[in-house]
Amino acid sequence: MSLFSATDIRLGNGKTLRMVNGYTFSFSNRLRNGERWLCSSKRTKLCRVSINFDNDGRLLKMSSYPHNHGRPTYVKTSQGFYVKITSDYTTKLEQS
């Protein structure tokens, strides 16, 4: 039994992220025996966490670096897409 729960989520722009323990990862590259995914906050927050999955989608390895940010919040729309809830979005809702 794995300690990590991985789920693929589809965004409205067609991109797929992989959510593991509440953090999201973007596909980076194929490996000889699977795939490498990088934290989706790599560019914006310079987070260094990466994960490797085998060809069957099982988690092989997670980098030992801690995330340098909190878990993102996503909600699923009625169309089945996921939308990230940010503080800017929440502020706009409060002003409406």
PDB file of N, CA and C in Angstrom:
ATOM      1  N   MET A   1       0.841  -1.183   0.000  1.00  0.00           N
ATOM      2  CA  MET A   1       0.000   0.000   0.000  1.00  0.00           C
ATOM      3  C   MET A   1       0.884   1.244   0.000  1.00  0.00           C
ATOM      4  N   SER A   2       0.573   2.210  -0.879  1.00  0.00           N
ATOM      5  CA  SER A   2       1.365   3.419  -1.011  1.00  0.00           C
ATOM      6  C   SER A   2       0.940   4.465   0.010  1.00  0.00           C
ATOM      7  N   LEU A   3       1.914   5.232   0.475  1.00  0.00           N
ATOM      8  CA  LEU A   3       1.619   6.340   1.375  1.00  0.00           C
ATOM      9  C   LEU A   3       1.131   7.557   0.598  1.00  0.00           C
ATOM     10  N   PHE A   4       1.259   7.520  -0.715  1.00  0.00           N
ATOM     11  CA  PHE A   4       0.919   8.653  -1.556  1.00  0.00           C
ATOM     12  C   PHE A   4      -0.301   8.344  -2.406  1.00  0.00           C
ATOM     13  N   SER A   5      -1.193   9.302  -2.485  1.00  0.00           N
ATOM     14  CA  SER A   5      -2.376   9.174  -3.320  1.00  0.00           C
ATOM     15  C   SER A   5      -2.213  10.114  -4.509  1.00  0.00           C
ATOM     16  N   ALA A   6      -2.212   9.586  -5.722  1.00  0.00           N
ATOM     17  CA  ALA A   6      -2.034  10.397  -6.926  1.00  0.00           C
ATOM     18  C   ALA A   6      -3.313  10.399  -7.751  1.00  0.00           C
ATOM     19  N   THR A   7      -3.727  11.593  -8.176  1.00  0.00           N
ATOM     20  CA  THR A   7      -4.920  11.759  -8.999  1.00  0.00           C
ATOM     21  C   THR A   7      -4.613  12.748 -10.110  1.00  0.00           C
ATOM     22  N   ASP A   8      -4.968  12.410 -11.339  1.00  0.00           N
ATOM     23  CA  ASP A   8      -4.822  13.358 -12.439  1.00  0.00           C
ATOM     24  C   ASP A   8      -6.039  14.267 -12.464  1.00  0.00           C
ATOM     25  N   ILE A   9      -5.789  15.587 -12.563  1.00  0.00           N
ATOM     26  CA  ILE A   9      -6.887  16.545 -12.653  1.00  0.00           C
ATOM     27  C   ILE A   9      -6.739  17.332 -13.951  1.00  0.00           C
ATOM     28  N   ARG A  10      -7.860  17.592 -14.607  1.00  0.00           N
ATOM     29  CA  ARG A  10      -7.864  18.293 -15.889  1.00  0.00           C
ATOM     30  C   ARG A  10      -8.328  19.724 -15.668  1.00  0.00           C
ATOM     31  N   LEU A  11      -7.537  20.665 -16.164  1.00  0.00           N
ATOM     32  CA  LEU A  11      -7.868  22.075 -16.034  1.00  0.00           C
ATOM     33  C   LEU A  11      -8.691  22.531 -17.236  1.00  0.00           C
ATOM     34  N   GLY A  12      -9.311  23.676 -17.126  1.00  0.00           N
ATOM     35  CA  GLY A  12     -10.136  24.218 -18.204  1.00  0.00           C
ATOM     36  C   GLY A  12      -9.362  24.493 -19.479  1.00  0.00           C
ATOM     37  N   ASN A  13      -8.049  24.722 -19.383  1.00  0.00           N
ATOM     38  CA  ASN A  13      -7.227  24.990 -20.566  1.00  0.00           C
ATOM     39  C   ASN A  13      -6.761  23.704 -21.252  1.00  0.00           C
ATOM     40  N   GLY A  14      -7.220  22.553 -20.759  1.00  0.00           N
ATOM     41  CA  GLY A  14      -6.857  21.270 -21.352  1.00  0.00           C
ATOM     42  C   GLY A  14      -5.627  20.620 -20.730  1.00  0.00           C
ATOM     43  N   LYS A  15      -4.908  21.354 -19.902  1.00  0.00           N
ATOM     44  CA  LYS A  15      -3.709  20.824 -19.261  1.00  0.00           C
ATOM     45  C   LYS A  15      -4.096  19.849 -18.153  1.00  0.00           C
ATOM     46  N   THR A  16      -3.270  18.829 -17.964  1.00  0.00           N
ATOM     47  CA  THR A  16      -3.478  17.867 -16.884  1.00  0.00           C
ATOM     48  C   THR A  16      -2.377  18.026 -15.846  1.00  0.00           C
ATOM     49  N   LEU A  17      -2.776  18.103 -14.595  1.00  0.00           N
ATOM     50  CA  LEU A  17      -1.841  18.115 -13.477  1.00  0.00           C
ATOM     51  C   LEU A  17      -2.033  16.825 -12.701  1.00  0.00           C
ATOM     52  N   ARG A  18      -1.009  16.407 -12.013  1.00  0.00           N
ATOM     53  CA  ARG A  18      -1.113  15.242 -11.139  1.00  0.00           C
ATOM     54  C   ARG A  18      -1.072  15.741  -9.698  1.00  0.00           C
ATOM     55  N   MET A  19      -2.119  15.424  -8.943  1.00  0.00           N
ATOM     56  CA  MET A  19      -2.190  15.854  -7.553  1.00  0.00           C
ATOM     57  C   MET A  19      -1.739  14.709  -6.654  1.00  0.00           C
ATOM     58  N   VAL A  20      -0.767  15.004  -5.803  1.00  0.00           N
ATOM     59  CA  VAL A  20      -0.235  14.022  -4.857  1.00  0.00           C
ATOM     60  C   VAL A  20      -0.243  14.669  -3.479  1.00  0.00           C
ATOM     61  N   ASN A  21      -1.023  14.086  -2.577  1.00  0.00           N
ATOM     62  CA  ASN A  21      -1.129  14.595  -1.203  1.00  0.00           C
ATOM     63  C   ASN A  21      -1.462  16.085  -1.150  1.00  0.00           C
ATOM     64  N   GLY A  22      -2.302  16.536  -2.080  1.00  0.00           N
ATOM     65  CA  GLY A  22      -2.763  17.920  -2.080  1.00  0.00           C
ATOM     66  C   GLY A  22      -1.897  18.894  -2.850  1.00  0.00           C
ATOM     67  N   TYR A  23      -0.725  18.480  -3.313  1.00  0.00           N
ATOM     68  CA  TYR A  23       0.145  19.331  -4.123  1.00  0.00           C
ATOM     69  C   TYR A  23       0.010  18.922  -5.583  1.00  0.00           C
ATOM     70  N   THR A  24       0.143  19.884  -6.501  1.00  0.00           N
ATOM     71  CA  THR A  24       0.004  19.574  -7.920  1.00  0.00           C
ATOM     72  C   THR A  24       1.365  19.589  -8.611  1.00  0.00           C
ATOM     73  N   PHE A  25       1.468  18.723  -9.620  1.00  0.00           N
ATOM     74  CA  PHE A  25       2.703  18.546 -10.373  1.00  0.00           C
ATOM     75  C   PHE A  25       2.401  18.587 -11.866  1.00  0.00           C
ATOM     76  N   SER A  26       3.321  19.180 -12.638  1.00  0.00           N
ATOM     77  CA  SER A  26       3.227  19.245 -14.095  1.00  0.00           C
ATOM     78  C   SER A  26       4.175  18.215 -14.698  1.00  0.00           C
ATOM     79  N   PHE A  27       3.744  17.610 -15.809  1.00  0.00           N
ATOM     80  CA  PHE A  27       4.594  16.646 -16.499  1.00  0.00           C
ATOM     81  C   PHE A  27       5.869  17.342 -16.953  1.00  0.00           C
ATOM     82  N   SER A  28       7.008  16.696 -16.742  1.00  0.00           N
ATOM     83  CA  SER A  28       8.291  17.257 -17.152  1.00  0.00           C
ATOM     84  C   SER A  28       8.870  16.488 -18.332  1.00  0.00           C
ATOM     85  N   ASN A  29       9.112  15.192 -18.142  1.00  0.00           N
ATOM     86  CA  ASN A  29       9.724  14.406 -19.216  1.00  0.00           C
ATOM     87  C   ASN A  29       9.546  12.911 -18.977  1.00  0.00           C
ATOM     88  N   ARG A  30       9.721  12.159 -20.069  1.00  0.00           N
ATOM     89  CA  ARG A  30       9.690  10.702 -19.997  1.00  0.00           C
ATOM     90  C   ARG A  30      11.047  10.216 -19.509  1.00  0.00           C
ATOM     91  N   LEU A  31      11.003   9.161 -18.726  1.00  0.00           N
ATOM     92  CA  LEU A  31      12.214   8.495 -18.257  1.00  0.00           C
ATOM     93  C   LEU A  31      12.277   7.107 -18.890  1.00  0.00           C
ATOM     94  N   ARG A  32      13.379   6.434 -18.731  1.00  0.00           N
ATOM     95  CA  ARG A  32      13.526   5.078 -19.280  1.00  0.00           C
ATOM     96  C   ARG A  32      12.420   4.162 -18.770  1.00  0.00           C
ATOM     97  N   ASN A  33      12.064   4.334 -17.493  1.00  0.00           N
ATOM     98  CA  ASN A  33      11.072   3.439 -16.886  1.00  0.00           C
ATOM     99  C   ASN A  33       9.833   4.177 -16.374  1.00  0.00           C
ATOM    100  N   GLY A  34       9.550   5.361 -16.915  1.00  0.00           N
ATOM    101  CA  GLY A  34       8.363   6.077 -16.454  1.00  0.00           C
ATOM    102  C   GLY A  34       8.360   7.546 -16.812  1.00  0.00           C
ATOM    103  N   GLU A  35       7.915   8.378 -15.862  1.00  0.00           N
ATOM    104  CA  GLU A  35       7.767   9.808 -16.094  1.00  0.00           C
ATOM    105  C   GLU A  35       8.250  10.603 -14.882  1.00  0.00           C
ATOM    106  N   ARG A  36       8.704  11.813 -15.169  1.00  0.00           N
ATOM    107  CA  ARG A  36       9.091  12.747 -14.108  1.00  0.00           C
ATOM    108  C   ARG A  36       8.117  13.918 -14.138  1.00  0.00           C
ATOM    109  N   TRP A  37       7.642  14.301 -12.957  1.00  0.00           N
ATOM    110  CA  TRP A  37       6.727  15.433 -12.800  1.00  0.00           C
ATOM    111  C   TRP A  37       7.354  16.416 -11.827  1.00  0.00           C
ATOM    112  N   LEU A  38       7.196  17.720 -12.101  1.00  0.00           N
ATOM    113  CA  LEU A  38       7.740  18.774 -11.248  1.00  0.00           C
ATOM    114  C   LEU A  38       6.608  19.515 -10.557  1.00  0.00           C
ATOM    115  N   CYS A  39       6.875  20.006  -9.358  1.00  0.00           N
ATOM    116  CA  CYS A  39       5.870  20.783  -8.642  1.00  0.00           C
ATOM    117  C   CYS A  39       5.377  21.903  -9.552  1.00  0.00           C
ATOM    118  N   SER A  40       4.072  22.103  -9.609  1.00  0.00           N
ATOM    119  CA  SER A  40       3.514  23.125 -10.496  1.00  0.00           C
ATOM    120  C   SER A  40       3.848  24.540 -10.030  1.00  0.00           C
ATOM    121  N   SER A  41       4.449  24.677  -8.853  1.00  0.00           N
ATOM    122  CA  SER A  41       4.909  25.988  -8.370  1.00  0.00           C
ATOM    123  C   SER A  41       6.414  26.161  -8.583  1.00  0.00           C
ATOM    124  N   LYS A  42       6.987  25.360  -9.474  1.00  0.00           N
ATOM    125  CA  LYS A  42       8.428  25.440  -9.733  1.00  0.00           C
ATOM    126  C   LYS A  42       8.827  26.825 -10.220  1.00  0.00           C
ATOM    127  N   ARG A  43       8.081  27.380 -11.152  1.00  0.00           N
ATOM    128  CA  ARG A  43       8.449  28.689 -11.713  1.00  0.00           C
ATOM    129  C   ARG A  43       8.044  29.844 -10.808  1.00  0.00           C
ATOM    130  N   THR A  44       6.828  29.806 -10.294  1.00  0.00           N
ATOM    131  CA  THR A  44       6.340  30.950  -9.521  1.00  0.00           C
ATOM    132  C   THR A  44       6.933  31.033  -8.123  1.00  0.00           C
ATOM    133  N   LYS A  45       7.187  29.892  -7.508  1.00  0.00           N
ATOM    134  CA  LYS A  45       7.700  29.894  -6.132  1.00  0.00           C
ATOM    135  C   LYS A  45       9.054  29.191  -6.002  1.00  0.00           C
ATOM    136  N   LEU A  46       9.626  28.798  -7.151  1.00  0.00           N
ATOM    137  CA  LEU A  46      10.928  28.121  -7.188  1.00  0.00           C
ATOM    138  C   LEU A  46      10.966  26.861  -6.331  1.00  0.00           C
ATOM    139  N   CYS A  47       9.843  26.151  -6.284  1.00  0.00           N
ATOM    140  CA  CYS A  47       9.766  24.908  -5.518  1.00  0.00           C
ATOM    141  C   CYS A  47      10.551  23.819  -6.251  1.00  0.00           C
ATOM    142  N   ARG A  48      11.339  23.047  -5.532  1.00  0.00           N
ATOM    143  CA  ARG A  48      12.246  22.062  -6.128  1.00  0.00           C
ATOM    144  C   ARG A  48      11.750  20.626  -6.029  1.00  0.00           C
ATOM    145  N   VAL A  49      10.535  20.400  -5.601  1.00  0.00           N
ATOM    146  CA  VAL A  49      10.037  19.036  -5.422  1.00  0.00           C
ATOM    147  C   VAL A  49       9.716  18.410  -6.784  1.00  0.00           C
ATOM    148  N   SER A  50      10.148  17.175  -6.961  1.00  0.00           N
ATOM    149  CA  SER A  50       9.816  16.407  -8.166  1.00  0.00           C
ATOM    150  C   SER A  50       9.417  14.997  -7.746  1.00  0.00           C
ATOM    151  N   ILE A  51       8.669  14.337  -8.621  1.00  0.00           N
ATOM    152  CA  ILE A  51       8.251  12.961  -8.365  1.00  0.00           C
ATOM    153  C   ILE A  51       8.437  12.141  -9.632  1.00  0.00           C
ATOM    154  N   ASN A  52       8.752  10.861  -9.461  1.00  0.00           N
ATOM    155  CA  ASN A  52       8.896   9.933 -10.575  1.00  0.00           C
ATOM    156  C   ASN A  52       7.858   8.830 -10.438  1.00  0.00           C
ATOM    157  N   PHE A  53       7.198   8.515 -11.553  1.00  0.00           N
ATOM    158  CA  PHE A  53       6.231   7.426 -11.614  1.00  0.00           C
ATOM    159  C   PHE A  53       6.725   6.390 -12.602  1.00  0.00           C
ATOM    160  N   ASP A  54       6.411   5.123 -12.347  1.00  0.00           N
ATOM    161  CA  ASP A  54       6.759   4.088 -13.315  1.00  0.00           C
ATOM    162  C   ASP A  54       5.733   4.102 -14.447  1.00  0.00           C
ATOM    163  N   ASN A  55       5.923   3.227 -15.427  1.00  0.00           N
ATOM    164  CA  ASN A  55       5.034   3.198 -16.593  1.00  0.00           C
ATOM    165  C   ASN A  55       3.607   2.790 -16.258  1.00  0.00           C
ATOM    166  N   ASP A  56       3.388   2.207 -15.086  1.00  0.00           N
ATOM    167  CA  ASP A  56       2.041   1.830 -14.649  1.00  0.00           C
ATOM    168  C   ASP A  56       1.411   2.885 -13.746  1.00  0.00           C
ATOM    169  N   GLY A  57       2.085   4.035 -13.585  1.00  0.00           N
ATOM    170  CA  GLY A  57       1.540   5.116 -12.772  1.00  0.00           C
ATOM    171  C   GLY A  57       1.798   5.000 -11.284  1.00  0.00           C
ATOM    172  N   ARG A  58       2.648   4.053 -10.895  1.00  0.00           N
ATOM    173  CA  ARG A  58       2.985   3.910  -9.470  1.00  0.00           C
ATOM    174  C   ARG A  58       4.136   4.848  -9.119  1.00  0.00           C
ATOM    175  N   LEU A  59       4.031   5.461  -7.950  1.00  0.00           N
ATOM    176  CA  LEU A  59       5.067   6.380  -7.489  1.00  0.00           C
ATOM    177  C   LEU A  59       6.351   5.616  -7.204  1.00  0.00           C
ATOM    178  N   LEU A  60       7.435   6.032  -7.847  1.00  0.00           N
ATOM    179  CA  LEU A  60       8.743   5.413  -7.619  1.00  0.00           C
ATOM    180  C   LEU A  60       9.562   6.198  -6.607  1.00  0.00           C
ATOM    181  N   LYS A  61       9.561   7.520  -6.774  1.00  0.00           N
ATOM    182  CA  LYS A  61      10.461   8.332  -5.958  1.00  0.00           C
ATOM    183  C   LYS A  61       9.931   9.754  -5.861  1.00  0.00           C
ATOM    184  N   MET A  62      10.102  10.347  -4.692  1.00  0.00           N
ATOM    185  CA  MET A  62       9.788  11.761  -4.497  1.00  0.00           C
ATOM    186  C   MET A  62      11.051  12.417  -3.958  1.00  0.00           C
ATOM    187  N   SER A  63      11.388  13.584  -4.486  1.00  0.00           N
ATOM    188  CA  SER A  63      12.596  14.263  -4.006  1.00  0.00           C
ATOM    189  C   SER A  63      12.478  14.556  -2.515  1.00  0.00           C
ATOM    190  N   SER A  64      13.614  14.695  -1.873  1.00  0.00           N
ATOM    191  CA  SER A  64      13.614  14.889  -0.418  1.00  0.00           C
ATOM    192  C   SER A  64      13.406  16.348  -0.013  1.00  0.00           C
ATOM    193  N   TYR A  65      13.355  17.246  -0.988  1.00  0.00           N
ATOM    194  CA  TYR A  65      13.122  18.654  -0.667  1.00  0.00           C
ATOM    195  C   TYR A  65      11.696  18.848  -0.168  1.00  0.00           C
ATOM    196  N   PRO A  66      11.499  19.726   0.804  1.00  0.00           N
ATOM    197  CA  PRO A  66      10.121  20.048   1.219  1.00  0.00           C
ATOM    198  C   PRO A  66       9.540  21.096   0.271  1.00  0.00           C
ATOM    199  N   HIS A  67       8.221  21.109   0.116  1.00  0.00           N
ATOM    200  CA  HIS A  67       7.576  22.190  -0.632  1.00  0.00           C
ATOM    201  C   HIS A  67       7.808  23.485   0.138  1.00  0.00           C
ATOM    202  N   ASN A  68       8.041  24.577  -0.578  1.00  0.00           N
ATOM    203  CA  ASN A  68       8.268  25.866   0.080  1.00  0.00           C
ATOM    204  C   ASN A  68       7.016  26.750   0.024  1.00  0.00           C
ATOM    205  N   HIS A  69       5.847  26.108  -0.044  1.00  0.00           N
ATOM    206  CA  HIS A  69       4.570  26.814  -0.158  1.00  0.00           C
ATOM    207  C   HIS A  69       3.469  25.898   0.350  1.00  0.00           C
ATOM    208  N   GLY A  70       2.305  26.457   0.546  1.00  0.00           N
ATOM    209  CA  GLY A  70       1.166  25.661   0.986  1.00  0.00           C
ATOM    210  C   GLY A  70       0.528  24.893  -0.161  1.00  0.00           C
ATOM    211  N   ARG A  71      -0.406  24.023   0.180  1.00  0.00           N
ATOM    212  CA  ARG A  71      -1.137  23.258  -0.830  1.00  0.00           C
ATOM    213  C   ARG A  71      -2.112  24.180  -1.561  1.00  0.00           C
ATOM    214  N   PRO A  72      -2.203  24.047  -2.880  1.00  0.00           N
ATOM    215  CA  PRO A  72      -3.174  24.855  -3.615  1.00  0.00           C
ATOM    216  C   PRO A  72      -4.592  24.336  -3.376  1.00  0.00           C
ATOM    217  N   THR A  73      -5.567  25.195  -3.615  1.00  0.00           N
ATOM    218  CA  THR A  73      -6.968  24.806  -3.473  1.00  0.00           C
ATOM    219  C   THR A  73      -7.609  24.772  -4.853  1.00  0.00           C
ATOM    220  N   TYR A  74      -8.179  23.635  -5.206  1.00  0.00           N
ATOM    221  CA  TYR A  74      -8.875  23.472  -6.479  1.00  0.00           C
ATOM    222  C   TYR A  74     -10.313  23.061  -6.211  1.00  0.00           C
ATOM    223  N   VAL A  75     -11.221  23.522  -7.080  1.00  0.00           N
ATOM    224  CA  VAL A  75     -12.608  23.063  -7.029  1.00  0.00           C
ATOM    225  C   VAL A  75     -12.947  22.472  -8.390  1.00  0.00           C
ATOM    226  N   LYS A  76     -13.810  21.474  -8.372  1.00  0.00           N
ATOM    227  CA  LYS A  76     -14.224  20.813  -9.606  1.00  0.00           C
ATOM    228  C   LYS A  76     -15.501  21.471 -10.108  1.00  0.00           C
ATOM    229  N   THR A  77     -15.516  21.857 -11.388  1.00  0.00           N
ATOM    230  CA  THR A  77     -16.693  22.489 -11.977  1.00  0.00           C
ATOM    231  C   THR A  77     -17.701  21.426 -12.401  1.00  0.00           C
ATOM    232  N   SER A  78     -18.894  21.867 -12.743  1.00  0.00           N
ATOM    233  CA  SER A  78     -19.928  20.926 -13.199  1.00  0.00           C
ATOM    234  C   SER A  78     -19.539  20.271 -14.525  1.00  0.00           C
ATOM    235  N   GLN A  79     -18.618  20.888 -15.277  1.00  0.00           N
ATOM    236  CA  GLN A  79     -18.137  20.306 -16.537  1.00  0.00           C
ATOM    237  C   GLN A  79     -17.004  19.303 -16.313  1.00  0.00           C
ATOM    238  N   GLY A  80     -16.579  19.136 -15.055  1.00  0.00           N
ATOM    239  CA  GLY A  80     -15.537  18.165 -14.746  1.00  0.00           C
ATOM    240  C   GLY A  80     -14.125  18.719 -14.746  1.00  0.00           C
ATOM    241  N   PHE A  81     -13.968  20.022 -15.005  1.00  0.00           N
ATOM    242  CA  PHE A  81     -12.650  20.652 -14.966  1.00  0.00           C
ATOM    243  C   PHE A  81     -12.350  21.124 -13.552  1.00  0.00           C
ATOM    244  N   TYR A  82     -11.082  21.338 -13.274  1.00  0.00           N
ATOM    245  CA  TYR A  82     -10.671  21.870 -11.978  1.00  0.00           C
ATOM    246  C   TYR A  82     -10.211  23.311 -12.153  1.00  0.00           C
ATOM    247  N   VAL A  83     -10.559  24.140 -11.181  1.00  0.00           N
ATOM    248  CA  VAL A  83     -10.182  25.551 -11.186  1.00  0.00           C
ATOM    249  C   VAL A  83      -9.442  25.842  -9.890  1.00  0.00           C
ATOM    250  N   LYS A  84      -8.304  26.513 -10.012  1.00  0.00           N
ATOM    251  CA  LYS A  84      -7.522  26.870  -8.823  1.00  0.00           C
ATOM    252  C   LYS A  84      -8.130  28.113  -8.184  1.00  0.00           C
ATOM    253  N   ILE A  85      -8.346  28.041  -6.895  1.00  0.00           N
ATOM    254  CA  ILE A  85      -8.870  29.178  -6.147  1.00  0.00           C
ATOM    255  C   ILE A  85      -7.682  29.931  -5.562  1.00  0.00           C
ATOM    256  N   THR A  86      -7.547  31.199  -5.948  1.00  0.00           N
ATOM    257  CA  THR A  86      -6.448  32.029  -5.457  1.00  0.00           C
ATOM    258  C   THR A  86      -6.996  33.146  -4.590  1.00  0.00           C
ATOM    259  N   SER A  87      -6.121  33.830  -3.893  1.00  0.00           N
ATOM    260  CA  SER A  87      -6.563  34.946  -3.055  1.00  0.00           C
ATOM    261  C   SER A  87      -7.136  36.061  -3.919  1.00  0.00           C
ATOM    262  N   ASP A  88      -6.625  36.249  -5.151  1.00  0.00           N
ATOM    263  CA  ASP A  88      -7.182  37.256  -6.058  1.00  0.00           C
ATOM    264  C   ASP A  88      -8.624  36.925  -6.397  1.00  0.00           C
ATOM    265  N   TYR A  89      -8.904  35.648  -6.671  1.00  0.00           N
ATOM    266  CA  TYR A  89     -10.258  35.219  -7.008  1.00  0.00           C
ATOM    267  C   TYR A  89     -11.190  35.431  -5.822  1.00  0.00           C
ATOM    268  N   THR A  90     -10.741  35.062  -4.638  1.00  0.00           N
ATOM    269  CA  THR A  90     -11.555  35.234  -3.436  1.00  0.00           C
ATOM    270  C   THR A  90     -11.842  36.711  -3.195  1.00  0.00           C
ATOM    271  N   THR A  91     -10.847  37.564  -3.403  1.00  0.00           N
ATOM    272  CA  THR A  91     -11.029  39.006  -3.228  1.00  0.00           C
ATOM    273  C   THR A  91     -12.069  39.536  -4.207  1.00  0.00           C
ATOM    274  N   LYS A  92     -12.032  39.086  -5.460  1.00  0.00           N
ATOM    275  CA  LYS A  92     -13.012  39.528  -6.457  1.00  0.00           C
ATOM    276  C   LYS A  92     -14.416  39.101  -6.063  1.00  0.00           C
ATOM    277  N   LEU A  93     -14.558  37.897  -5.528  1.00  0.00           N
ATOM    278  CA  LEU A  93     -15.875  37.434  -5.092  1.00  0.00           C
ATOM    279  C   LEU A  93     -16.398  38.292  -3.948  1.00  0.00           C
ATOM    280  N   GLU A  94     -15.520  38.653  -3.024  1.00  0.00           N
ATOM    281  CA  GLU A  94     -15.935  39.457  -1.880  1.00  0.00           C
ATOM    282  C   GLU A  94     -16.344  40.861  -2.303  1.00  0.00           C
ATOM    283  N   GLN A  95     -15.745  41.386  -3.390  1.00  0.00           N
ATOM    284  CA  GLN A  95     -16.056  42.731  -3.856  1.00  0.00           C
ATOM    285  C   GLN A  95     -17.337  42.773  -4.679  1.00  0.00           C
ATOM    286  N   SER A  96     -17.803  41.641  -5.180  1.00  0.00           N
ATOM    287  CA  SER A  96     -19.015  41.600  -6.023  1.00  0.00           C
ATOM    288  C   SER A  96     -20.264  41.844  -5.211  1.00  0.00           C
TER     289      SER A  96
END
